[in-house]
Amino acid sequence: MCYHVVTMHIDTCTTGPYIRHLLRTSYREGGKVRHRTVANLSACTSEEIEAMRLALRYKGELTELLS
């Protein structure tokens, strides 16, 4: 049986005064974890980044979260 599980997350890296936010997917290929960058979110505000993290964390329950 072969199946693929792809997860999406926001990867944050701080290098000196710079902060980088990347929207990434993670998956396994040949037994190794691989990452693919979907978008660079570095121009977003910290509030927007937190909103996206919240949406990714509760993506299956967004209607419940809003009520």
PDB file of N, CA and C in Angstrom:
ATOM      1  N   MET A   1       0.844  -1.168   0.000  1.00  0.00           N
ATOM      2  CA  MET A   1       0.000   0.000   0.000  1.00  0.00           C
ATOM      3  C   MET A   1       0.901   1.247   0.000  1.00  0.00           C
ATOM      4  N   CYS A   2       0.597   2.169  -0.864  1.00  0.00           N
ATOM      5  CA  CYS A   2       1.361   3.405  -0.968  1.00  0.00           C
ATOM      6  C   CYS A   2       0.419   4.584  -0.762  1.00  0.00           C
ATOM      7  N   TYR A   3       0.771   5.481   0.120  1.00  0.00           N
ATOM      8  CA  TYR A   3      -0.047   6.670   0.336  1.00  0.00           C
ATOM      9  C   TYR A   3       0.859   7.864   0.619  1.00  0.00           C
ATOM     10  N   HIS A   4       0.343   9.033   0.382  1.00  0.00           N
ATOM     11  CA  HIS A   4       1.101  10.256   0.595  1.00  0.00           C
ATOM     12  C   HIS A   4       0.345  11.145   1.574  1.00  0.00           C
ATOM     13  N   VAL A   5       1.036  11.636   2.571  1.00  0.00           N
ATOM     14  CA  VAL A   5       0.467  12.602   3.501  1.00  0.00           C
ATOM     15  C   VAL A   5       1.258  13.884   3.326  1.00  0.00           C
ATOM     16  N   VAL A   6       0.572  14.929   2.945  1.00  0.00           N
ATOM     17  CA  VAL A   6       1.224  16.218   2.747  1.00  0.00           C
ATOM     18  C   VAL A   6       0.678  17.170   3.799  1.00  0.00           C
ATOM     19  N   THR A   7       1.571  17.797   4.525  1.00  0.00           N
ATOM     20  CA  THR A   7       1.151  18.782   5.520  1.00  0.00           C
ATOM     21  C   THR A   7       1.651  20.157   5.101  1.00  0.00           C
ATOM     22  N   MET A   8       0.908  21.171   5.474  1.00  0.00           N
ATOM     23  CA  MET A   8       1.284  22.545   5.153  1.00  0.00           C
ATOM     24  C   MET A   8       1.534  23.291   6.459  1.00  0.00           C
ATOM     25  N   HIS A   9       2.583  24.099   6.477  1.00  0.00           N
ATOM     26  CA  HIS A   9       2.915  24.850   7.675  1.00  0.00           C
ATOM     27  C   HIS A   9       3.647  26.137   7.302  1.00  0.00           C
ATOM     28  N   ILE A  10       3.794  27.022   8.273  1.00  0.00           N
ATOM     29  CA  ILE A  10       4.558  28.247   8.072  1.00  0.00           C
ATOM     30  C   ILE A  10       5.886  28.072   8.780  1.00  0.00           C
ATOM     31  N   ASP A  11       6.958  28.182   8.017  1.00  0.00           N
ATOM     32  CA  ASP A  11       8.318  28.034   8.521  1.00  0.00           C
ATOM     33  C   ASP A  11       8.876  29.429   8.764  1.00  0.00           C
ATOM     34  N   THR A  12       9.284  29.702  10.001  1.00  0.00           N
ATOM     35  CA  THR A  12       9.834  31.002  10.354  1.00  0.00           C
ATOM     36  C   THR A  12      11.296  30.840  10.734  1.00  0.00           C
ATOM     37  N   CYS A  13      12.133  31.689  10.192  1.00  0.00           N
ATOM     38  CA  CYS A  13      13.568  31.649  10.470  1.00  0.00           C
ATOM     39  C   CYS A  13      14.047  33.074  10.741  1.00  0.00           C
ATOM     40  N   THR A  14      14.799  33.249  11.823  1.00  0.00           N
ATOM     41  CA  THR A  14      15.353  34.549  12.163  1.00  0.00           C
ATOM     42  C   THR A  14      16.856  34.508  11.943  1.00  0.00           C
ATOM     43  N   THR A  15      17.353  35.413  11.124  1.00  0.00           N
ATOM     44  CA  THR A  15      18.783  35.536  10.863  1.00  0.00           C
ATOM     45  C   THR A  15      19.170  36.985  11.140  1.00  0.00           C
ATOM     46  N   GLY A  16      19.785  37.213  12.282  1.00  0.00           N
ATOM     47  CA  GLY A  16      20.128  38.579  12.663  1.00  0.00           C
ATOM     48  C   GLY A  16      18.865  39.411  12.793  1.00  0.00           C
ATOM     49  N   PRO A  17      18.814  40.552  12.134  1.00  0.00           N
ATOM     50  CA  PRO A  17      17.621  41.405  12.238  1.00  0.00           C
ATOM     51  C   PRO A  17      16.494  41.000  11.280  1.00  0.00           C
ATOM     52  N   TYR A  18      16.734  39.997  10.447  1.00  0.00           N
ATOM     53  CA  TYR A  18      15.753  39.605   9.436  1.00  0.00           C
ATOM     54  C   TYR A  18      14.916  38.421   9.893  1.00  0.00           C
ATOM     55  N   ILE A  19      13.624  38.457   9.573  1.00  0.00           N
ATOM     56  CA  ILE A  19      12.715  37.343   9.858  1.00  0.00           C
ATOM     57  C   ILE A  19      12.096  36.907   8.537  1.00  0.00           C
ATOM     58  N   ARG A  20      12.196  35.608   8.261  1.00  0.00           N
ATOM     59  CA  ARG A  20      11.662  35.046   7.021  1.00  0.00           C
ATOM     60  C   ARG A  20      10.494  34.136   7.366  1.00  0.00           C
ATOM     61  N   HIS A  21       9.377  34.292   6.652  1.00  0.00           N
ATOM     62  CA  HIS A  21       8.215  33.426   6.824  1.00  0.00           C
ATOM     63  C   HIS A  21       7.925  32.774   5.470  1.00  0.00           C
ATOM     64  N   LEU A  22       7.917  31.444   5.448  1.00  0.00           N
ATOM     65  CA  LEU A  22       7.629  30.710   4.222  1.00  0.00           C
ATOM     66  C   LEU A  22       6.457  29.766   4.459  1.00  0.00           C
ATOM     67  N   LEU A  23       5.521  29.745   3.519  1.00  0.00           N
ATOM     68  CA  LEU A  23       4.449  28.752   3.539  1.00  0.00           C
ATOM     69  C   LEU A  23       5.002  27.528   2.826  1.00  0.00           C
ATOM     70  N   ARG A  24       5.065  26.392   3.538  1.00  0.00           N
ATOM     71  CA  ARG A  24       5.716  25.203   2.985  1.00  0.00           C
ATOM     72  C   ARG A  24       4.844  23.972   3.134  1.00  0.00           C
ATOM     73  N   THR A  25       5.085  23.009   2.264  1.00  0.00           N
ATOM     74  CA  THR A  25       4.484  21.683   2.399  1.00  0.00           C
ATOM     75  C   THR A  25       5.592  20.708   2.748  1.00  0.00           C
ATOM     76  N   SER A  26       5.262  19.705   3.535  1.00  0.00           N
ATOM     77  CA  SER A  26       6.204  18.644   3.888  1.00  0.00           C
ATOM     78  C   SER A  26       5.623  17.319   3.434  1.00  0.00           C
ATOM     79  N   TYR A  27       6.474  16.468   2.903  1.00  0.00           N
ATOM     80  CA  TYR A  27       6.037  15.158   2.435  1.00  0.00           C
ATOM     81  C   TYR A  27       7.225  14.214   2.490  1.00  0.00           C
ATOM     82  N   ARG A  28       6.964  12.935   2.361  1.00  0.00           N
ATOM     83  CA  ARG A  28       8.035  11.937   2.351  1.00  0.00           C
ATOM     84  C   ARG A  28       8.276  11.448   0.933  1.00  0.00           C
ATOM     85  N   GLU A  29       9.548  11.308   0.603  1.00  0.00           N
ATOM     86  CA  GLU A  29       9.932  10.796  -0.711  1.00  0.00           C
ATOM     87  C   GLU A  29      11.118   9.861  -0.497  1.00  0.00           C
ATOM     88  N   GLY A  30      10.914   8.607  -0.790  1.00  0.00           N
ATOM     89  CA  GLY A  30      11.984   7.630  -0.593  1.00  0.00           C
ATOM     90  C   GLY A  30      12.391   7.483   0.865  1.00  0.00           C
ATOM     91  N   GLY A  31      11.448   7.657   1.778  1.00  0.00           N
ATOM     92  CA  GLY A  31      11.747   7.527   3.197  1.00  0.00           C
ATOM     93  C   GLY A  31      12.327   8.773   3.829  1.00  0.00           C
ATOM     94  N   LYS A  32      12.544   9.828   3.059  1.00  0.00           N
ATOM     95  CA  LYS A  32      13.107  11.071   3.580  1.00  0.00           C
ATOM     96  C   LYS A  32      12.052  12.173   3.553  1.00  0.00           C
ATOM     97  N   VAL A  33      12.122  13.053   4.528  1.00  0.00           N
ATOM     98  CA  VAL A  33      11.198  14.185   4.582  1.00  0.00           C
ATOM     99  C   VAL A  33      11.697  15.266   3.634  1.00  0.00           C
ATOM    100  N   ARG A  34      10.809  15.737   2.794  1.00  0.00           N
ATOM    101  CA  ARG A  34      11.124  16.805   1.832  1.00  0.00           C
ATOM    102  C   ARG A  34      10.207  17.990   2.099  1.00  0.00           C
ATOM    103  N   HIS A  35      10.671  19.172   1.718  1.00  0.00           N
ATOM    104  CA  HIS A  35       9.882  20.390   1.863  1.00  0.00           C
ATOM    105  C   HIS A  35       9.808  21.088   0.512  1.00  0.00           C
ATOM    106  N   ARG A  36       8.674  21.739   0.271  1.00  0.00           N
ATOM    107  CA  ARG A  36       8.508  22.537  -0.938  1.00  0.00           C
ATOM    108  C   ARG A  36       7.928  23.871  -0.509  1.00  0.00           C
ATOM    109  N   THR A  37       8.536  24.963  -0.945  1.00  0.00           N
ATOM    110  CA  THR A  37       8.053  26.290  -0.607  1.00  0.00           C
ATOM    111  C   THR A  37       6.929  26.665  -1.561  1.00  0.00           C
ATOM    112  N   VAL A  38       5.782  27.039  -0.996  1.00  0.00           N
ATOM    113  CA  VAL A  38       4.618  27.436  -1.772  1.00  0.00           C
ATOM    114  C   VAL A  38       4.609  28.945  -1.961  1.00  0.00           C
ATOM    115  N   ALA A  39       4.920  29.687  -0.873  1.00  0.00           N
ATOM    116  CA  ALA A  39       4.892  31.151  -0.955  1.00  0.00           C
ATOM    117  C   ALA A  39       5.821  31.751   0.087  1.00  0.00           C
ATOM    118  N   ASN A  40       6.358  32.925  -0.236  1.00  0.00           N
ATOM    119  CA  ASN A  40       7.145  33.706   0.697  1.00  0.00           C
ATOM    120  C   ASN A  40       6.194  34.705   1.345  1.00  0.00           C
ATOM    121  N   LEU A  41       6.027  34.612   2.663  1.00  0.00           N
ATOM    122  CA  LEU A  41       5.087  35.450   3.391  1.00  0.00           C
ATOM    123  C   LEU A  41       5.795  36.541   4.195  1.00  0.00           C
ATOM    124  N   SER A  42       7.045  36.817   3.891  1.00  0.00           N
ATOM    125  CA  SER A  42       7.840  37.751   4.677  1.00  0.00           C
ATOM    126  C   SER A  42       7.292  39.164   4.680  1.00  0.00           C
ATOM    127  N   ALA A  43       6.533  39.549   3.672  1.00  0.00           N
ATOM    128  CA  ALA A  43       5.974  40.898   3.612  1.00  0.00           C
ATOM    129  C   ALA A  43       4.697  41.032   4.444  1.00  0.00           C
ATOM    130  N   CYS A  44       4.180  39.930   4.983  1.00  0.00           N
ATOM    131  CA  CYS A  44       2.949  39.966   5.774  1.00  0.00           C
ATOM    132  C   CYS A  44       3.236  40.477   7.186  1.00  0.00           C
ATOM    133  N   THR A  45       2.211  41.051   7.804  1.00  0.00           N
ATOM    134  CA  THR A  45       2.343  41.514   9.187  1.00  0.00           C
ATOM    135  C   THR A  45       2.297  40.317  10.132  1.00  0.00           C
ATOM    136  N   SER A  46       2.718  40.548  11.368  1.00  0.00           N
ATOM    137  CA  SER A  46       2.700  39.455  12.346  1.00  0.00           C
ATOM    138  C   SER A  46       1.269  38.986  12.625  1.00  0.00           C
ATOM    139  N   GLU A  47       0.301  39.903  12.559  1.00  0.00           N
ATOM    140  CA  GLU A  47      -1.106  39.526  12.752  1.00  0.00           C
ATOM    141  C   GLU A  47      -1.584  38.615  11.626  1.00  0.00           C
ATOM    142  N   GLU A  48      -1.183  38.911  10.395  1.00  0.00           N
ATOM    143  CA  GLU A  48      -1.563  38.075   9.251  1.00  0.00           C
ATOM    144  C   GLU A  48      -0.924  36.690   9.347  1.00  0.00           C
ATOM    145  N   ILE A  49       0.327  36.635   9.774  1.00  0.00           N
ATOM    146  CA  ILE A  49       1.016  35.349   9.941  1.00  0.00           C
ATOM    147  C   ILE A  49       0.290  34.509  10.990  1.00  0.00           C
ATOM    148  N   GLU A  50      -0.060  35.112  12.115  1.00  0.00           N
ATOM    149  CA  GLU A  50      -0.768  34.374  13.166  1.00  0.00           C
ATOM    150  C   GLU A  50      -2.143  33.921  12.698  1.00  0.00           C
ATOM    151  N   ALA A  51      -2.832  34.738  11.903  1.00  0.00           N
ATOM    152  CA  ALA A  51      -4.142  34.339  11.361  1.00  0.00           C
ATOM    153  C   ALA A  51      -3.993  33.136  10.435  1.00  0.00           C
ATOM    154  N   MET A  52      -2.948  33.122   9.612  1.00  0.00           N
ATOM    155  CA  MET A  52      -2.712  31.977   8.715  1.00  0.00           C
ATOM    156  C   MET A  52      -2.349  30.727   9.511  1.00  0.00           C
ATOM    157  N   ARG A  53      -1.539  30.885  10.559  1.00  0.00           N
ATOM    158  CA  ARG A  53      -1.208  29.734  11.408  1.00  0.00           C
ATOM    159  C   ARG A  53      -2.465  29.167  12.063  1.00  0.00           C
ATOM    160  N   LEU A  54      -3.327  30.045  12.549  1.00  0.00           N
ATOM    161  CA  LEU A  54      -4.579  29.617  13.164  1.00  0.00           C
ATOM    162  C   LEU A  54      -5.457  28.895  12.149  1.00  0.00           C
ATOM    163  N   ALA A  55      -5.536  29.431  10.923  1.00  0.00           N
ATOM    164  CA  ALA A  55      -6.341  28.800   9.873  1.00  0.00           C
ATOM    165  C   ALA A  55      -5.783  27.423   9.503  1.00  0.00           C
ATOM    166  N   LEU A  56      -4.465  27.280   9.443  1.00  0.00           N
ATOM    167  CA  LEU A  56      -3.867  25.982   9.125  1.00  0.00           C
ATOM    168  C   LEU A  56      -4.078  24.984  10.266  1.00  0.00           C
ATOM    169  N   ARG A  57      -4.003  25.455  11.498  1.00  0.00           N
ATOM    170  CA  ARG A  57      -4.162  24.566  12.647  1.00  0.00           C
ATOM    171  C   ARG A  57      -5.580  24.020  12.744  1.00  0.00           C
ATOM    172  N   TYR A  58      -6.580  24.868  12.417  1.00  0.00           N
ATOM    173  CA  TYR A  58      -7.981  24.472  12.551  1.00  0.00           C
ATOM    174  C   TYR A  58      -8.688  24.406  11.201  1.00  0.00           C
ATOM    175  N   LYS A  59      -7.971  24.007  10.153  1.00  0.00           N
ATOM    176  CA  LYS A  59      -8.541  24.044   8.799  1.00  0.00           C
ATOM    177  C   LYS A  59      -9.802  23.202   8.632  1.00  0.00           C
ATOM    178  N   GLY A  60      -9.965  22.156   9.385  1.00  0.00           N
ATOM    179  CA  GLY A  60     -11.163  21.338   9.283  1.00  0.00           C
ATOM    180  C   GLY A  60     -12.303  21.830  10.145  1.00  0.00           C
ATOM    181  N   GLU A  61     -12.033  22.824  11.007  1.00  0.00           N
ATOM    182  CA  GLU A  61     -13.030  23.292  11.962  1.00  0.00           C
ATOM    183  C   GLU A  61     -13.201  24.805  11.910  1.00  0.00           C
ATOM    184  N   LEU A  62     -12.973  25.429  10.759  1.00  0.00           N
ATOM    185  CA  LEU A  62     -13.032  26.881  10.656  1.00  0.00           C
ATOM    186  C   LEU A  62     -14.405  27.446  10.966  1.00  0.00           C
ATOM    187  N   THR A  63     -15.472  26.770  10.570  1.00  0.00           N
ATOM    188  CA  THR A  63     -16.822  27.289  10.846  1.00  0.00           C
ATOM    189  C   THR A  63     -17.079  27.304  12.350  1.00  0.00           C
ATOM    190  N   GLU A  64     -16.604  26.298  13.067  1.00  0.00           N
ATOM    191  CA  GLU A  64     -16.758  26.270  14.523  1.00  0.00           C
ATOM    192  C   GLU A  64     -15.918  27.356  15.168  1.00  0.00           C
ATOM    193  N   LEU A  65     -14.750  27.619  14.633  1.00  0.00           N
ATOM    194  CA  LEU A  65     -13.840  28.621  15.179  1.00  0.00           C
ATOM    195  C   LEU A  65     -14.420  30.024  15.052  1.00  0.00           C
ATOM    196  N   LEU A  66     -15.131  30.289  13.962  1.00  0.00           N
ATOM    197  CA  LEU A  66     -15.694  31.615  13.728  1.00  0.00           C
ATOM    198  C   LEU A  66     -16.914  31.903  14.596  1.00  0.00           C
ATOM    199  N   SER A  67     -17.616  30.869  15.042  1.00  0.00           N
ATOM    200  CA  SER A  67     -18.826  31.089  15.834  1.00  0.00           C
ATOM    201  C   SER A  67     -18.535  31.249  17.312  1.00  0.00           C
TER     202      SER A  67
END
